């Protein structure tokens, strides 16, 4: 029986070796498949991380550009406000200039053209002596109003219509156009 036992033992040994070999093969395939899946997951995670990093970089860049743009706009606004303030302050020196009476007369002439039947010219009290001769020559009453600054108001005979023409008023009306021109000079 020993021969039969040897044969059975050899057969069983061969079968066990075959089963182990199959198990090793399957185990190797499973390990390779697991490695491929892990590698694919790792690559997908890396791509996702890189995409998220690029998106975060773009967001940070956009935020920085917006911050810079906002700062520039605010700076431009402050500069334009300063230019406007300086222009208005420059008007304060005009009454002391030798040609100021001619400026007032020119403003009055312009205003007079837009009022039908002018009756009176109204000026700041300090400007009254500068326009008295002109008002007399034009046949207009000369009145004062401390609220009128660097200009005149022409009033119609019926008192229903009046036109004010002043340097600060003209600057206000023309500011948008002037500001655009100043911005071009400063920033282009």
C-alpha atoms as a PDB file:
ATOM      1  CA  UNK A   1       0.000   0.000   0.000  1.00  0.00           C
ATOM      2  CA  UNK A   2       2.786   2.163   0.266  1.00  0.00           C
ATOM      3  CA  UNK A   3       2.874   2.476  -3.455  1.00  0.00           C
ATOM      4  CA  UNK A   4      -0.739   3.439  -3.538  1.00  0.00           C
ATOM      5  CA  UNK A   5      -0.090   5.861  -0.691  1.00  0.00           C
ATOM      6  CA  UNK A   6       2.827   7.286  -2.613  1.00  0.00           C
ATOM      7  CA  UNK A   7       0.713   7.658  -5.744  1.00  0.00           C
ATOM      8  CA  UNK A   8      -2.099   9.288  -3.804  1.00  0.00           C
ATOM      9  CA  UNK A   9       0.350  11.479  -2.025  1.00  0.00           C
ATOM     10  CA  UNK A  10       1.914  12.503  -5.361  1.00  0.00           C
ATOM     11  CA  UNK A  11      -1.511  13.171  -6.873  1.00  0.00           C
ATOM     12  CA  UNK A  12      -2.652  15.122  -3.853  1.00  0.00           C
ATOM     13  CA  UNK A  13       0.661  16.988  -3.840  1.00  0.00           C
ATOM     14  CA  UNK A  14       0.282  17.784  -7.558  1.00  0.00           C
ATOM     15  CA  UNK A  15      -3.310  18.900  -7.025  1.00  0.00           C
ATOM     16  CA  UNK A  16      -2.270  21.050  -4.069  1.00  0.00           C
ATOM     17  CA  UNK A  17       0.577  22.501  -6.146  1.00  0.00           C
ATOM     18  CA  UNK A  18      -1.906  23.251  -8.980  1.00  0.00           C
ATOM     19  CA  UNK A  19      -4.365  24.884  -6.563  1.00  0.00           C
ATOM     20  CA  UNK A  20      -1.560  26.933  -5.029  1.00  0.00           C
ATOM     21  CA  UNK A  21      -0.319  27.910  -8.463  1.00  0.00           C
ATOM     22  CA  UNK A  22      -3.853  28.999  -9.487  1.00  0.00           C
ATOM     23  CA  UNK A  23      -4.193  30.866  -6.198  1.00  0.00           C
ATOM     24  CA  UNK A  24      -0.835  32.564  -6.760  1.00  0.00           C
ATOM     25  CA  UNK A  25      -1.875  33.524 -10.302  1.00  0.00           C
ATOM     26  CA  UNK A  26      -5.200  34.889  -9.139  1.00  0.00           C
ATOM     27  CA  UNK A  27      -3.547  36.682  -6.242  1.00  0.00           C
ATOM     28  CA  UNK A  28      -1.016  38.258  -8.652  1.00  0.00           C
ATOM     29  CA  UNK A  29      -3.853  39.344 -10.997  1.00  0.00           C
ATOM     30  CA  UNK A  30      -5.808  40.798  -8.071  1.00  0.00           C
ATOM     31  CA  UNK A  31      -2.702  42.609  -6.842  1.00  0.00           C
ATOM     32  CA  UNK A  32      -2.035  44.017 -10.362  1.00  0.00           C
ATOM     33  CA  UNK A  33      -5.684  45.037 -10.710  1.00  0.00           C
ATOM     34  CA  UNK A  34      -5.603  46.675  -7.267  1.00  0.00           C
ATOM     35  CA  UNK A  35      -2.378  48.489  -8.221  1.00  0.00           C
ATOM     36  CA  UNK A  36      -3.979  49.728 -11.472  1.00  0.00           C
ATOM     37  CA  UNK A  37      -7.073  50.932  -9.599  1.00  0.00           C
ATOM     38  CA  UNK A  38      -4.958  52.598  -6.936  1.00  0.00           C
ATOM     39  CA  UNK A  39      -2.769  54.181  -9.584  1.00  0.00           C
ATOM     40  CA  UNK A  40      -5.847  55.394 -11.495  1.00  0.00           C
ATOM     41  CA  UNK A  41      -7.378  56.772  -8.287  1.00  0.00           C
ATOM     42  CA  UNK A  42      -4.112  58.458  -7.400  1.00  0.00           C
ATOM     43  CA  UNK A  43      -3.839  59.970 -10.902  1.00  0.00           C
ATOM     44  CA  UNK A  44      -7.480  61.147 -10.745  1.00  0.00           C
ATOM     45  CA  UNK A  45      -6.882  62.634  -7.298  1.00  0.00           C
ATOM     46  CA  UNK A  46      -3.709  64.346  -8.566  1.00  0.00           C
ATOM     47  CA  UNK A  47      -5.607  65.782 -11.579  1.00  0.00           C
ATOM     48  CA  UNK A  48      -8.411  66.969  -9.308  1.00  0.00           C
ATOM     49  CA  UNK A  49      -5.914  68.555  -6.912  1.00  0.00           C
ATOM     50  CA  UNK A  50      -4.072  70.230  -9.777  1.00  0.00           C
ATOM     51  CA  UNK A  51      -7.370  71.516 -11.226  1.00  0.00           C
ATOM     52  CA  UNK A  52      -8.432  72.805  -7.813  1.00  0.00           C
ATOM     53  CA  UNK A  53      -5.045  74.479  -7.393  1.00  0.00           C
ATOM     54  CA  UNK A  54      -5.333  76.134 -10.828  1.00  0.00           C
ATOM     55  CA  UNK A  55      -8.881  77.290 -10.027  1.00  0.00           C
ATOM     56  CA  UNK A  56      -7.729  78.674  -6.659  1.00  0.00           C
ATOM     57  CA  UNK A  57      -4.848  80.465  -8.411  1.00  0.00           C
ATOM     58  CA  UNK A  58      -7.274  81.974 -10.947  1.00  0.00           C
ATOM     59  CA  UNK A  59      -9.605  83.110  -8.167  1.00  0.00           C
ATOM     60  CA  UNK A  60      -6.702  84.657  -6.245  1.00  0.00           C
ATOM     61  CA  UNK A  61      -5.437  86.365  -9.404  1.00  0.00           C
ATOM     62  CA  UNK A  62      -8.932  87.716 -10.169  1.00  0.00           C
ATOM     63  CA  UNK A  63      -9.318  88.956  -6.600  1.00  0.00           C
ATOM     64  CA  UNK A  64      -5.934  90.670  -6.780  1.00  0.00           C
ATOM     65  CA  UNK A  65      -6.796  92.284 -10.126  1.00  0.00           C
ATOM     66  CA  UNK A  66     -10.135  93.466  -8.726  1.00  0.00           C
ATOM     67  CA  UNK A  67      -8.402  94.921  -5.668  1.00  0.00           C
ATOM     68  CA  UNK A  68      -5.864  96.743  -7.833  1.00  0.00           C
ATOM     69  CA  UNK A  69      -8.587  97.990 -10.185  1.00  0.00           C
ATOM     70  CA  UNK A  70     -10.681  99.230  -7.261  1.00  0.00           C
ATOM     71  CA  UNK A  71      -7.678 100.988  -5.724  1.00  0.00           C
ATOM     72  CA  UNK A  72      -6.909 102.665  -9.050  1.00  0.00           C
ATOM     73  CA  UNK A  73     -10.503 103.819  -9.467  1.00  0.00           C
ATOM     74  CA  UNK A  74     -10.569 105.188  -5.930  1.00  0.00           C
ATOM     75  CA  UNK A  75      -7.253 106.972  -6.499  1.00  0.00           C
ATOM     76  CA  UNK A  76      -8.553 108.444  -9.757  1.00  0.00           C
ATOM     77  CA  UNK A  77     -11.708 109.568  -7.978  1.00  0.00           C
ATOM     78  CA  UNK A  78      -9.662 111.276  -5.258  1.00  0.00           C
ATOM     79  CA  UNK A  79      -7.428 112.950  -7.852  1.00  0.00           C
ATOM     80  CA  UNK A  80     -10.432 114.182  -9.850  1.00  0.00           C
ATOM     81  CA  UNK A  81     -12.085 115.503  -6.679  1.00  0.00           C
ATOM     82  CA  UNK A  82      -8.842 117.332  -5.896  1.00  0.00           C
ATOM     83  CA  UNK A  83      -8.681 118.789  -9.424  1.00  0.00           C
ATOM     84  CA  UNK A  84     -12.281 120.000  -9.081  1.00  0.00           C
ATOM     85  CA  UNK A  85     -11.564 121.485  -5.645  1.00  0.00           C
ATOM     86  CA  UNK A  86      -8.445 123.260  -6.954  1.00  0.00           C
ATOM     87  CA  UNK A  87     -10.402 124.653  -9.923  1.00  0.00           C
ATOM     88  CA  UNK A  88     -13.071 126.033  -7.598  1.00  0.00           C
ATOM     89  CA  UNK A  89     -10.376 127.455  -5.294  1.00  0.00           C
ATOM     90  CA  UNK A  90      -8.735 129.150  -8.283  1.00  0.00           C
ATOM     91  CA  UNK A  91     -11.993 131.056  -8.782  1.00  0.00           C
ATOM     92  CA  UNK A  92     -11.503 132.639  -5.354  1.00  0.00           C
ATOM     93  CA  UNK A  93      -8.534 134.609  -6.707  1.00  0.00           C
ATOM     94  CA  UNK A  94     -10.443 136.010  -9.717  1.00  0.00           C
ATOM     95  CA  UNK A  95     -12.015 139.072  -8.033  1.00  0.00           C
ATOM     96  CA  UNK A  96      -8.505 140.440  -7.441  1.00  0.00           C
ATOM     97  CA  UNK A  97      -7.470 140.064 -11.086  1.00  0.00           C
ATOM     98  CA  UNK A  98      -7.426 143.182 -13.302  1.00  0.00           C
ATOM     99  CA  UNK A  99      -9.634 141.582 -15.983  1.00  0.00           C
ATOM    100  CA  UNK A 100     -12.358 140.452 -13.555  1.00  0.00           C
ATOM    101  CA  UNK A 101     -14.715 143.354 -14.457  1.00  0.00           C
ATOM    102  CA  UNK A 102     -14.563 142.265 -18.129  1.00  0.00           C
ATOM    103  CA  UNK A 103     -15.295 138.668 -17.086  1.00  0.00           C
ATOM    104  CA  UNK A 104     -18.378 139.833 -15.162  1.00  0.00           C
ATOM    105  CA  UNK A 105     -19.532 141.938 -18.111  1.00  0.00           C
ATOM    106  CA  UNK A 106     -19.094 139.004 -20.494  1.00  0.00           C
ATOM    107  CA  UNK A 107     -21.132 136.774 -18.162  1.00  0.00           C
ATOM    108  CA  UNK A 108     -23.827 139.462 -17.959  1.00  0.00           C
ATOM    109  CA  UNK A 109     -23.915 139.895 -21.744  1.00  0.00           C
ATOM    110  CA  UNK A 110     -24.348 136.151 -22.248  1.00  0.00           C
ATOM    111  CA  UNK A 111     -27.122 135.944 -19.654  1.00  0.00           C
ATOM    112  CA  UNK A 112     -28.867 138.996 -21.081  1.00  0.00           C
ATOM    113  CA  UNK A 113     -29.157 137.338 -24.502  1.00  0.00           C
ATOM    114  CA  UNK A 114     -31.252 134.533 -23.023  1.00  0.00           C
ATOM    115  CA  UNK A 115     -33.762 136.701 -21.128  1.00  0.00           C
ATOM    116  CA  UNK A 116     -36.517 138.436 -23.050  1.00  0.00           C
ATOM    117  CA  UNK A 117     -37.042 141.990 -21.768  1.00  0.00           C
ATOM    118  CA  UNK A 118     -34.275 142.130 -19.150  1.00  0.00           C
ATOM    119  CA  UNK A 119     -34.981 144.560 -16.303  1.00  0.00           C
ATOM    120  CA  UNK A 120     -32.269 144.023 -13.693  1.00  0.00           C
ATOM    121  CA  UNK A 121     -28.844 142.559 -13.145  1.00  0.00           C
ATOM    122  CA  UNK A 122     -28.101 141.066  -9.738  1.00  0.00           C
ATOM    123  CA  UNK A 123     -24.528 140.599  -8.492  1.00  0.00           C
ATOM    124  CA  UNK A 124     -22.670 139.888  -5.272  1.00  0.00           C
ATOM    125  CA  UNK A 125     -22.442 143.078  -3.158  1.00  0.00           C
ATOM    126  CA  UNK A 126     -18.662 143.264  -3.647  1.00  0.00           C
ATOM    127  CA  UNK A 127     -19.139 143.166  -7.453  1.00  0.00           C
ATOM    128  CA  UNK A 128     -21.664 146.041  -7.560  1.00  0.00           C
ATOM    129  CA  UNK A 129     -19.071 148.783  -8.289  1.00  0.00           C
ATOM    130  CA  UNK A 130     -17.608 146.668 -11.103  1.00  0.00           C
ATOM    131  CA  UNK A 131     -20.883 146.511 -13.047  1.00  0.00           C
ATOM    132  CA  UNK A 132     -22.552 149.820 -12.192  1.00  0.00           C
ATOM    133  CA  UNK A 133     -21.400 151.558 -15.388  1.00  0.00           C
ATOM    134  CA  UNK A 134     -22.321 148.584 -17.541  1.00  0.00           C
ATOM    135  CA  UNK A 135     -25.794 148.303 -15.936  1.00  0.00           C
ATOM    136  CA  UNK A 136     -26.445 152.011 -16.458  1.00  0.00           C
ATOM    137  CA  UNK A 137     -25.339 151.768 -20.093  1.00  0.00           C
ATOM    138  CA  UNK A 138     -27.723 148.821 -20.654  1.00  0.00           C
ATOM    139  CA  UNK A 139     -30.590 150.512 -18.799  1.00  0.00           C
ATOM    140  CA  UNK A 140     -30.772 147.812 -16.139  1.00  0.00           C
ATOM    141  CA  UNK A 141     -31.392 148.101 -12.422  1.00  0.00           C
ATOM    142  CA  UNK A 142     -28.372 146.952 -10.432  1.00  0.00           C
ATOM    143  CA  UNK A 143     -29.210 144.853  -7.365  1.00  0.00           C
ATOM    144  CA  UNK A 144     -27.171 142.726  -5.002  1.00  0.00           C
ATOM    145  CA  UNK A 145     -27.502 139.246  -3.565  1.00  0.00           C
ATOM    146  CA  UNK A 146     -24.767 137.735  -1.363  1.00  0.00           C
ATOM    147  CA  UNK A 147     -25.762 134.300  -2.694  1.00  0.00           C
ATOM    148  CA  UNK A 148     -24.461 135.079  -6.162  1.00  0.00           C
ATOM    149  CA  UNK A 149     -20.784 134.251  -6.418  1.00  0.00           C
ATOM    150  CA  UNK A 150     -18.497 135.133  -9.331  1.00  0.00           C
ATOM    151  CA  UNK A 151     -21.305 135.843 -11.742  1.00  0.00           C
ATOM    152  CA  UNK A 152     -24.587 137.573 -12.424  1.00  0.00           C
ATOM    153  CA  UNK A 153     -28.318 136.952 -12.568  1.00  0.00           C
ATOM    154  CA  UNK A 154     -30.417 138.741 -15.170  1.00  0.00           C
ATOM    155  CA  UNK A 155     -34.116 139.149 -14.329  1.00  0.00           C
ATOM    156  CA  UNK A 156     -36.906 139.878 -16.826  1.00  0.00           C
ATOM    157  CA  UNK A 157     -39.177 142.914 -16.488  1.00  0.00           C
ATOM    158  CA  UNK A 158     -42.085 140.773 -15.265  1.00  0.00           C
ATOM    159  CA  UNK A 159     -39.796 139.014 -12.770  1.00  0.00           C
ATOM    160  CA  UNK A 160     -40.975 135.581 -13.941  1.00  0.00           C
ATOM    161  CA  UNK A 161     -37.837 134.662 -15.789  1.00  0.00           C
ATOM    162  CA  UNK A 162     -34.223 134.888 -14.702  1.00  0.00           C
ATOM    163  CA  UNK A 163     -30.933 133.425 -15.826  1.00  0.00           C
ATOM    164  CA  UNK A 164     -27.881 133.015 -13.646  1.00  0.00           C
ATOM    165  CA  UNK A 165     -24.473 132.875 -15.281  1.00  0.00           C
ATOM    166  CA  UNK A 166     -21.579 132.284 -12.893  1.00  0.00           C
ATOM    167  CA  UNK A 167     -18.158 130.719 -13.188  1.00  0.00           C
ATOM    168  CA  UNK A 168     -18.832 128.026 -10.553  1.00  0.00           C
ATOM    169  CA  UNK A 169     -22.147 127.242 -12.260  1.00  0.00           C
ATOM    170  CA  UNK A 170     -20.454 126.937 -15.626  1.00  0.00           C
ATOM    171  CA  UNK A 171     -17.832 124.626 -14.144  1.00  0.00           C
ATOM    172  CA  UNK A 172     -20.587 122.423 -12.670  1.00  0.00           C
ATOM    173  CA  UNK A 173     -22.414 122.227 -16.021  1.00  0.00           C
ATOM    174  CA  UNK A 174     -19.229 121.461 -17.956  1.00  0.00           C
ATOM    175  CA  UNK A 175     -17.610 119.215 -15.337  1.00  0.00           C
ATOM    176  CA  UNK A 176     -18.335 115.875 -17.023  1.00  0.00           C
ATOM    177  CA  UNK A 177     -16.743 117.022 -20.275  1.00  0.00           C
ATOM    178  CA  UNK A 178     -13.837 118.694 -18.512  1.00  0.00           C
ATOM    179  CA  UNK A 179     -13.286 115.711 -16.210  1.00  0.00           C
ATOM    180  CA  UNK A 180     -13.080 113.414 -19.211  1.00  0.00           C
ATOM    181  CA  UNK A 181     -10.453 115.640 -20.813  1.00  0.00           C
ATOM    182  CA  UNK A 182      -8.486 115.888 -17.551  1.00  0.00           C
ATOM    183  CA  UNK A 183      -8.577 112.098 -17.125  1.00  0.00           C
ATOM    184  CA  UNK A 184      -7.180 111.646 -20.643  1.00  0.00           C
ATOM    185  CA  UNK A 185      -4.356 114.067 -19.887  1.00  0.00           C
ATOM    186  CA  UNK A 186      -3.525 112.417 -16.567  1.00  0.00           C
ATOM    187  CA  UNK A 187      -3.887 108.727 -17.391  1.00  0.00           C
ATOM    188  CA  UNK A 188      -3.460 108.200 -21.113  1.00  0.00           C
END
